[in-house]
PDB file of all heavy atoms in Angstrom:
ATOM      1  N   ALA A   1      -9.815  13.404  20.574  1.00  0.00           N
ATOM      2  CA  ALA A   1     -10.735  12.600  21.384  1.00  0.00           C
ATOM      3  C   ALA A   1     -10.679  11.133  20.971  1.00  0.00           C
ATOM      4  O   ALA A   1     -10.735  10.225  21.818  1.00  0.00           O
ATOM      5  CB  ALA A   1     -12.161  13.137  21.246  1.00  0.00           C
ATOM      6  N   LEU A   2     -10.560  10.878  19.659  1.00  0.00           N
ATOM      7  CA  LEU A   2     -10.447   9.499  19.177  1.00  0.00           C
ATOM      8  C   LEU A   2      -9.163   8.862  19.691  1.00  0.00           C
ATOM      9  O   LEU A   2      -9.159   7.691  20.118  1.00  0.00           O
ATOM     10  CB  LEU A   2     -10.476   9.486  17.643  1.00  0.00           C
ATOM     11  CG  LEU A   2     -10.221   8.127  16.982  1.00  0.00           C
ATOM     12  CD1 LEU A   2     -11.323   7.135  17.357  1.00  0.00           C
ATOM     13  CD2 LEU A   2     -10.124   8.276  15.470  1.00  0.00           C
ATOM     14  N   ILE A   3      -8.060   9.600  19.656  1.00  0.00           N
ATOM     15  CA  ILE A   3      -6.780   9.083  20.152  1.00  0.00           C
ATOM     16  C   ILE A   3      -6.900   8.740  21.635  1.00  0.00           C
ATOM     17  O   ILE A   3      -6.422   7.687  22.096  1.00  0.00           O
ATOM     18  CB  ILE A   3      -5.665  10.123  19.935  1.00  0.00           C
ATOM     19  CG1 ILE A   3      -5.465  10.406  18.436  1.00  0.00           C
ATOM     20  CG2 ILE A   3      -4.365   9.644  20.566  1.00  0.00           C
ATOM     21  CD1 ILE A   3      -4.948   9.248  17.645  1.00  0.00           C
ATOM     22  N   GLU A   4      -7.548   9.613  22.387  1.00  0.00           N
ATOM     23  CA  GLU A   4      -7.689   9.381  23.820  1.00  0.00           C
ATOM     24  C   GLU A   4      -8.545   8.148  24.098  1.00  0.00           C
ATOM     25  O   GLU A   4      -8.233   7.342  24.992  1.00  0.00           O
ATOM     26  CB  GLU A   4      -8.314  10.614  24.487  1.00  0.00           C
ATOM     27  CG  GLU A   4      -8.342  10.549  26.008  1.00  0.00           C
ATOM     28  CD  GLU A   4      -6.973  10.393  26.605  1.00  0.00           C
ATOM     29  OE1 GLU A   4      -5.997  10.960  26.047  1.00  0.00           O
ATOM     30  OE2 GLU A   4      -6.854   9.691  27.632  1.00  0.00           O
ATOM     31  N   ARG A   5      -9.636   7.970  23.335  1.00  0.00           N
ATOM     32  CA  ARG A   5     -10.466   6.774  23.519  1.00  0.00           C
ATOM     33  C   ARG A   5      -9.689   5.515  23.178  1.00  0.00           C
ATOM     34  O   ARG A   5      -9.836   4.479  23.842  1.00  0.00           O
ATOM     35  CB  ARG A   5     -11.726   6.867  22.646  1.00  0.00           C
ATOM     36  CG  ARG A   5     -12.759   7.862  23.112  1.00  0.00           C
ATOM     37  CD  ARG A   5     -14.123   7.574  22.504  1.00  0.00           C
ATOM     38  NE  ARG A   5     -14.081   7.552  21.052  1.00  0.00           N
ATOM     39  CZ  ARG A   5     -14.248   8.632  20.293  1.00  0.00           C
ATOM     40  NH1 ARG A   5     -14.458   9.819  20.856  1.00  0.00           N
ATOM     41  NH2 ARG A   5     -14.221   8.547  18.976  1.00  0.00           N
ATOM     42  N   THR A   6      -8.859   5.585  22.131  1.00  0.00           N
ATOM     43  CA  THR A   6      -8.061   4.428  21.731  1.00  0.00           C
ATOM     44  C   THR A   6      -7.059   4.072  22.826  1.00  0.00           C
ATOM     45  O   THR A   6      -6.848   2.896  23.139  1.00  0.00           O
ATOM     46  CB  THR A   6      -7.327   4.725  20.415  1.00  0.00           C
ATOM     47  OG1 THR A   6      -8.271   5.125  19.413  1.00  0.00           O
ATOM     48  CG2 THR A   6      -6.591   3.491  19.925  1.00  0.00           C
ATOM     49  N   ARG A   7      -6.449   5.082  23.411  1.00  0.00           N
ATOM     50  CA  ARG A   7      -5.507   4.828  24.513  1.00  0.00           C
ATOM     51  C   ARG A   7      -6.216   4.168  25.694  1.00  0.00           C
ATOM     52  O   ARG A   7      -5.700   3.237  26.300  1.00  0.00           O
ATOM     53  CB  ARG A   7      -4.865   6.139  24.958  1.00  0.00           C
ATOM     54  CG  ARG A   7      -3.864   6.725  23.966  1.00  0.00           C
ATOM     55  CD  ARG A   7      -3.440   8.106  24.422  1.00  0.00           C
ATOM     56  NE  ARG A   7      -2.505   8.731  23.487  1.00  0.00           N
ATOM     57  CZ  ARG A   7      -2.272  10.037  23.432  1.00  0.00           C
ATOM     58  NH1 ARG A   7      -2.912  10.869  24.259  1.00  0.00           N
ATOM     59  NH2 ARG A   7      -1.410  10.520  22.558  1.00  0.00           N
ATOM     60  N   SER A   8      -7.401   4.698  26.022  1.00  0.00           N
ATOM     61  CA  SER A   8      -8.123   4.169  27.171  1.00  0.00           C
ATOM     62  C   SER A   8      -8.586   2.738  26.943  1.00  0.00           C
ATOM     63  O   SER A   8      -8.839   2.002  27.897  1.00  0.00           O
ATOM     64  CB  SER A   8      -9.326   5.065  27.492  1.00  0.00           C
ATOM     65  OG  SER A   8     -10.267   5.049  26.420  1.00  0.00           O
ATOM     66  N   SER A   9      -8.694   2.316  25.671  1.00  0.00           N
ATOM     67  CA  SER A   9      -9.080   0.941  25.373  1.00  0.00           C
ATOM     68  C   SER A   9      -7.915  -0.022  25.492  1.00  0.00           C
ATOM     69  O   SER A   9      -8.093  -1.239  25.352  1.00  0.00           O
ATOM     70  CB  SER A   9      -9.678   0.862  23.964  1.00  0.00           C
ATOM     71  OG  SER A   9      -8.671   1.059  22.977  1.00  0.00           O
ATOM     72  N   GLY A  10      -6.695   0.499  25.719  1.00  0.00           N
ATOM     73  CA  GLY A  10      -5.534  -0.362  25.914  1.00  0.00           C
ATOM     74  C   GLY A  10      -4.517  -0.331  24.801  1.00  0.00           C
ATOM     75  O   GLY A  10      -3.531  -1.083  24.839  1.00  0.00           O
ATOM     76  N   LEU A  11      -4.708   0.517  23.793  1.00  0.00           N
ATOM     77  CA  LEU A  11      -3.757   0.612  22.690  1.00  0.00           C
ATOM     78  C   LEU A  11      -3.002   1.939  22.793  1.00  0.00           C
ATOM     79  O   LEU A  11      -3.567   2.996  22.487  1.00  0.00           O
ATOM     80  CB  LEU A  11      -4.491   0.538  21.343  1.00  0.00           C
ATOM     81  CG  LEU A  11      -3.606   0.720  20.093  1.00  0.00           C
ATOM     82  CD1 LEU A  11      -2.607  -0.419  19.972  1.00  0.00           C
ATOM     83  CD2 LEU A  11      -4.473   0.814  18.829  1.00  0.00           C
ATOM     84  N   PRO A  12      -1.735   1.922  23.230  1.00  0.00           N
ATOM     85  CA  PRO A  12      -0.970   3.172  23.285  1.00  0.00           C
ATOM     86  C   PRO A  12      -0.865   3.790  21.890  1.00  0.00           C
ATOM     87  O   PRO A  12      -0.422   3.138  20.940  1.00  0.00           O
ATOM     88  CB  PRO A  12       0.405   2.721  23.804  1.00  0.00           C
ATOM     89  CG  PRO A  12       0.146   1.412  24.495  1.00  0.00           C
ATOM     90  CD  PRO A  12      -0.963   0.768  23.719  1.00  0.00           C
ATOM     91  N   THR A  13      -1.285   5.032  21.752  1.00  0.00           N
ATOM     92  CA  THR A  13      -1.359   5.687  20.440  1.00  0.00           C
ATOM     93  C   THR A  13      -0.804   7.099  20.531  1.00  0.00           C
ATOM     94  O   THR A  13      -1.083   7.816  21.499  1.00  0.00           O
ATOM     95  CB  THR A  13      -2.822   5.749  19.944  1.00  0.00           C
ATOM     96  OG1 THR A  13      -3.389   4.432  19.988  1.00  0.00           O
ATOM     97  CG2 THR A  13      -2.894   6.273  18.522  1.00  0.00           C
ATOM     98  N   THR A  14      -0.024   7.479  19.528  1.00  0.00           N
ATOM     99  CA  THR A  14       0.525   8.834  19.470  1.00  0.00           C
ATOM    100  C   THR A  14       0.060   9.515  18.189  1.00  0.00           C
ATOM    101  O   THR A  14      -0.258   8.851  17.197  1.00  0.00           O
ATOM    102  CB  THR A  14       2.066   8.814  19.494  1.00  0.00           C
ATOM    103  OG1 THR A  14       2.553   7.976  18.414  1.00  0.00           O
ATOM    104  CG2 THR A  14       2.589   8.273  20.818  1.00  0.00           C
ATOM    105  N   LEU A  15       0.035  10.829  18.231  1.00  0.00           N
ATOM    106  CA  LEU A  15      -0.383  11.643  17.081  1.00  0.00           C
ATOM    107  C   LEU A  15       0.752  12.579  16.702  1.00  0.00           C
ATOM    108  O   LEU A  15       1.294  13.291  17.558  1.00  0.00           O
ATOM    109  CB  LEU A  15      -1.637  12.450  17.425  1.00  0.00           C
ATOM    110  CG  LEU A  15      -2.116  13.467  16.380  1.00  0.00           C
ATOM    111  CD1 LEU A  15      -2.500  12.764  15.088  1.00  0.00           C
ATOM    112  CD2 LEU A  15      -3.290  14.278  16.919  1.00  0.00           C
ATOM    113  N   HIS A  16       1.111  12.586  15.425  1.00  0.00           N
ATOM    114  CA  HIS A  16       2.192  13.437  14.922  1.00  0.00           C
ATOM    115  C   HIS A  16       1.646  14.262  13.749  1.00  0.00           C
ATOM    116  O   HIS A  16       1.073  13.696  12.808  1.00  0.00           O
ATOM    117  CB  HIS A  16       3.383  12.599  14.448  1.00  0.00           C
ATOM    118  CG  HIS A  16       3.868  11.611  15.472  1.00  0.00           C
ATOM    119  ND1 HIS A  16       4.777  11.928  16.446  1.00  0.00           N
ATOM    120  CD2 HIS A  16       3.507  10.306  15.682  1.00  0.00           C
ATOM    121  CE1 HIS A  16       5.004  10.868  17.212  1.00  0.00           C
ATOM    122  NE2 HIS A  16       4.245   9.862  16.767  1.00  0.00           N
ATOM    123  N   VAL A  17       1.825  15.560  13.818  1.00  0.00           N
ATOM    124  CA  VAL A  17       1.343  16.463  12.770  1.00  0.00           C
ATOM    125  C   VAL A  17       2.530  17.223  12.201  1.00  0.00           C
ATOM    126  O   VAL A  17       3.309  17.822  12.949  1.00  0.00           O
ATOM    127  CB  VAL A  17       0.292  17.450  13.316  1.00  0.00           C
ATOM    128  CG1 VAL A  17      -0.188  18.380  12.200  1.00  0.00           C
ATOM    129  CG2 VAL A  17      -0.883  16.705  13.929  1.00  0.00           C
ATOM    130  N   ALA A  18       2.683  17.180  10.892  1.00  0.00           N
ATOM    131  CA  ALA A  18       3.766  17.899  10.216  1.00  0.00           C
ATOM    132  C   ALA A  18       3.163  18.857   9.197  1.00  0.00           C
ATOM    133  O   ALA A  18       2.120  18.580   8.602  1.00  0.00           O
ATOM    134  CB  ALA A  18       4.713  16.917   9.528  1.00  0.00           C
ATOM    135  N   GLY A  19       3.822  19.987   8.995  1.00  0.00           N
ATOM    136  CA  GLY A  19       3.324  20.983   8.057  1.00  0.00           C
ATOM    137  C   GLY A  19       2.361  21.941   8.730  1.00  0.00           C
ATOM    138  O   GLY A  19       2.007  21.781   9.902  1.00  0.00           O
ATOM    139  N   ALA A  20       1.953  22.931   7.972  1.00  0.00           N
ATOM    140  CA  ALA A  20       1.054  23.969   8.497  1.00  0.00           C
ATOM    141  C   ALA A  20      -0.392  23.488   8.415  1.00  0.00           C
ATOM    142  O   ALA A  20      -0.911  23.255   7.310  1.00  0.00           O
ATOM    143  CB  ALA A  20       1.228  25.264   7.708  1.00  0.00           C
ATOM    144  N   GLU A  21      -1.034  23.329   9.576  1.00  0.00           N
ATOM    145  CA  GLU A  21      -2.437  22.911   9.582  1.00  0.00           C
ATOM    146  C   GLU A  21      -3.304  23.999   8.953  1.00  0.00           C
ATOM    147  O   GLU A  21      -3.034  25.188   9.109  1.00  0.00           O
ATOM    148  CB  GLU A  21      -2.903  22.647  11.006  1.00  0.00           C
ATOM    149  CG  GLU A  21      -2.207  21.469  11.661  1.00  0.00           C
ATOM    150  CD  GLU A  21      -2.804  21.139  13.010  1.00  0.00           C
ATOM    151  OE1 GLU A  21      -4.048  21.000  13.084  1.00  0.00           O
ATOM    152  OE2 GLU A  21      -2.045  21.050  13.989  1.00  0.00           O
ATOM    153  N   ARG A  22      -4.335  23.587   8.258  1.00  0.00           N
ATOM    154  CA  ARG A  22      -5.234  24.531   7.606  1.00  0.00           C
ATOM    155  C   ARG A  22      -6.620  23.923   7.514  1.00  0.00           C
ATOM    156  O   ARG A  22      -6.794  22.722   7.704  1.00  0.00           O
ATOM    157  CB  ARG A  22      -4.724  24.872   6.201  1.00  0.00           C
ATOM    158  CG  ARG A  22      -4.735  23.696   5.242  1.00  0.00           C
ATOM    159  CD  ARG A  22      -4.214  24.081   3.859  1.00  0.00           C
ATOM    160  NE  ARG A  22      -4.374  23.009   2.905  1.00  0.00           N
ATOM    161  CZ  ARG A  22      -3.549  21.970   2.799  1.00  0.00           C
ATOM    162  NH1 ARG A  22      -2.518  21.876   3.608  1.00  0.00           N
ATOM    163  NH2 ARG A  22      -3.778  21.025   1.905  1.00  0.00           N
ATOM    164  N   ALA A  23      -7.584  24.775   7.244  1.00  0.00           N
ATOM    165  CA  ALA A  23      -8.956  24.303   7.064  1.00  0.00           C
ATOM    166  C   ALA A  23      -9.041  23.475   5.783  1.00  0.00           C
ATOM    167  O   ALA A  23      -8.464  23.841   4.755  1.00  0.00           O
ATOM    168  CB  ALA A  23      -9.914  25.483   7.000  1.00  0.00           C
ATOM    169  N   LEU A  24      -9.740  22.363   5.869  1.00  0.00           N
ATOM    170  CA  LEU A  24      -9.885  21.454   4.735  1.00  0.00           C
ATOM    171  C   LEU A  24     -11.333  21.438   4.257  1.00  0.00           C
ATOM    172  O   LEU A  24     -12.251  21.750   5.022  1.00  0.00           O
ATOM    173  CB  LEU A  24      -9.480  20.029   5.145  1.00  0.00           C
ATOM    174  CG  LEU A  24      -8.049  19.837   5.642  1.00  0.00           C
ATOM    175  CD1 LEU A  24      -7.893  18.448   6.246  1.00  0.00           C
ATOM    176  CD2 LEU A  24      -7.060  20.033   4.503  1.00  0.00           C
ATOM    177  N   PRO A  25     -11.560  21.081   2.986  1.00  0.00           N
ATOM    178  CA  PRO A  25     -12.938  20.876   2.541  1.00  0.00           C
ATOM    179  C   PRO A  25     -13.619  19.838   3.436  1.00  0.00           C
ATOM    180  O   PRO A  25     -12.971  18.897   3.921  1.00  0.00           O
ATOM    181  CB  PRO A  25     -12.775  20.358   1.098  1.00  0.00           C
ATOM    182  CG  PRO A  25     -11.447  20.881   0.670  1.00  0.00           C
ATOM    183  CD  PRO A  25     -10.588  20.895   1.890  1.00  0.00           C
ATOM    184  N   VAL A  26     -14.905  20.016   3.672  1.00  0.00           N
ATOM    185  CA  VAL A  26     -15.634  19.157   4.607  1.00  0.00           C
ATOM    186  C   VAL A  26     -15.479  17.683   4.238  1.00  0.00           C
ATOM    187  O   VAL A  26     -15.236  16.831   5.104  1.00  0.00           O
ATOM    188  CB  VAL A  26     -17.125  19.548   4.638  1.00  0.00           C
ATOM    189  CG1 VAL A  26     -17.902  18.571   5.504  1.00  0.00           C
ATOM    190  CG2 VAL A  26     -17.286  20.963   5.163  1.00  0.00           C
ATOM    191  N   GLU A  27     -15.597  17.364   2.935  1.00  0.00           N
ATOM    192  CA  GLU A  27     -15.514  15.969   2.507  1.00  0.00           C
ATOM    193  C   GLU A  27     -14.146  15.377   2.827  1.00  0.00           C
ATOM    194  O   GLU A  27     -14.036  14.236   3.285  1.00  0.00           O
ATOM    195  CB  GLU A  27     -15.793  15.854   1.007  1.00  0.00           C
ATOM    196  CG  GLU A  27     -17.202  16.246   0.589  1.00  0.00           C
ATOM    197  CD  GLU A  27     -17.373  17.748   0.450  1.00  0.00           C
ATOM    198  OE1 GLU A  27     -16.380  18.472   0.658  1.00  0.00           O
ATOM    199  OE2 GLU A  27     -18.488  18.195   0.152  1.00  0.00           O
ATOM    200  N   VAL A  28     -13.089  16.147   2.577  1.00  0.00           N
ATOM    201  CA  VAL A  28     -11.728  15.671   2.852  1.00  0.00           C
ATOM    202  C   VAL A  28     -11.523  15.513   4.353  1.00  0.00           C
ATOM    203  O   VAL A  28     -10.946  14.525   4.832  1.00  0.00           O
ATOM    204  CB  VAL A  28     -10.690  16.645   2.262  1.00  0.00           C
ATOM    205  CG1 VAL A  28      -9.265  16.219   2.641  1.00  0.00           C
ATOM    206  CG2 VAL A  28     -10.832  16.725   0.749  1.00  0.00           C
ATOM    207  N   ASP A  29     -11.983  16.494   5.117  1.00  0.00           N
ATOM    208  CA  ASP A  29     -11.831  16.481   6.570  1.00  0.00           C
ATOM    209  C   ASP A  29     -12.488  15.243   7.170  1.00  0.00           C
ATOM    210  O   ASP A  29     -11.897  14.537   7.998  1.00  0.00           O
ATOM    211  CB  ASP A  29     -12.453  17.755   7.137  1.00  0.00           C
ATOM    212  CG  ASP A  29     -12.046  18.024   8.577  1.00  0.00           C
ATOM    213  OD1 ASP A  29     -10.920  17.624   8.952  1.00  0.00           O
ATOM    214  OD2 ASP A  29     -12.820  18.642   9.307  1.00  0.00           O
ATOM    215  N   GLN A  30     -13.713  14.955   6.751  1.00  0.00           N
ATOM    216  CA  GLN A  30     -14.429  13.805   7.290  1.00  0.00           C
ATOM    217  C   GLN A  30     -13.804  12.493   6.819  1.00  0.00           C
ATOM    218  O   GLN A  30     -13.688  11.540   7.598  1.00  0.00           O
ATOM    219  CB  GLN A  30     -15.902  13.874   6.883  1.00  0.00           C
ATOM    220  CG  GLN A  30     -16.655  15.028   7.528  1.00  0.00           C
ATOM    221  CD  GLN A  30     -18.114  15.080   7.104  1.00  0.00           C
ATOM    222  OE1 GLN A  30     -18.529  14.380   6.189  1.00  0.00           O
ATOM    223  NE2 GLN A  30     -18.896  15.919   7.764  1.00  0.00           N
ATOM    224  N   ALA A  31     -13.382  12.445   5.547  1.00  0.00           N
ATOM    225  CA  ALA A  31     -12.778  11.216   5.023  1.00  0.00           C
ATOM    226  C   ALA A  31     -11.480  10.901   5.756  1.00  0.00           C
ATOM    227  O   ALA A  31     -11.199   9.735   6.081  1.00  0.00           O
ATOM    228  CB  ALA A  31     -12.518  11.362   3.516  1.00  0.00           C
ATOM    229  N   ALA A  32     -10.662  11.914   6.036  1.00  0.00           N
ATOM    230  CA  ALA A  32      -9.410  11.695   6.759  1.00  0.00           C
ATOM    231  C   ALA A  32      -9.689  11.130   8.149  1.00  0.00           C
ATOM    232  O   ALA A  32      -9.002  10.208   8.611  1.00  0.00           O
ATOM    233  CB  ALA A  32      -8.629  13.007   6.852  1.00  0.00           C
ATOM    234  N   TYR A  33     -10.687  11.666   8.826  1.00  0.00           N
ATOM    235  CA  TYR A  33     -11.039  11.158  10.156  1.00  0.00           C
ATOM    236  C   TYR A  33     -11.496   9.711  10.074  1.00  0.00           C
ATOM    237  O   TYR A  33     -11.112   8.875  10.905  1.00  0.00           O
ATOM    238  CB  TYR A  33     -12.132  12.024  10.772  1.00  0.00           C
ATOM    239  CG  TYR A  33     -12.599  11.523  12.120  1.00  0.00           C
ATOM    240  CD1 TYR A  33     -11.889  11.817  13.280  1.00  0.00           C
ATOM    241  CD2 TYR A  33     -13.748  10.746  12.227  1.00  0.00           C
ATOM    242  CE1 TYR A  33     -12.312  11.350  14.517  1.00  0.00           C
ATOM    243  CE2 TYR A  33     -14.176  10.271  13.453  1.00  0.00           C
ATOM    244  CZ  TYR A  33     -13.457  10.580  14.593  1.00  0.00           C
ATOM    245  OH  TYR A  33     -13.878  10.108  15.800  1.00  0.00           O
ATOM    246  N   ARG A  34     -12.316   9.381   9.069  1.00  0.00           N
ATOM    247  CA  ARG A  34     -12.807   8.008   8.920  1.00  0.00           C
ATOM    248  C   ARG A  34     -11.641   7.045   8.677  1.00  0.00           C
ATOM    249  O   ARG A  34     -11.648   5.916   9.178  1.00  0.00           O
ATOM    250  CB  ARG A  34     -13.792   7.915   7.752  1.00  0.00           C
ATOM    251  CG  ARG A  34     -15.024   8.788   7.879  1.00  0.00           C
ATOM    252  CD  ARG A  34     -16.010   8.239   8.888  1.00  0.00           C
ATOM    253  NE  ARG A  34     -17.250   8.991   8.800  1.00  0.00           N
ATOM    254  CZ  ARG A  34     -17.515  10.066   9.528  1.00  0.00           C
ATOM    255  NH1 ARG A  34     -16.624  10.492  10.412  1.00  0.00           N
ATOM    256  NH2 ARG A  34     -18.653  10.713   9.403  1.00  0.00           N
TER     257      ARG A  34
END
């Protein structure tokens, strides 16, 4: 959703994910998003 909002504001943005996604500790998950 953040990527989509950024695109709609005029900044073309792509998302690339490598490795096996997994559940993260809440603190790490929120810090990464910030």
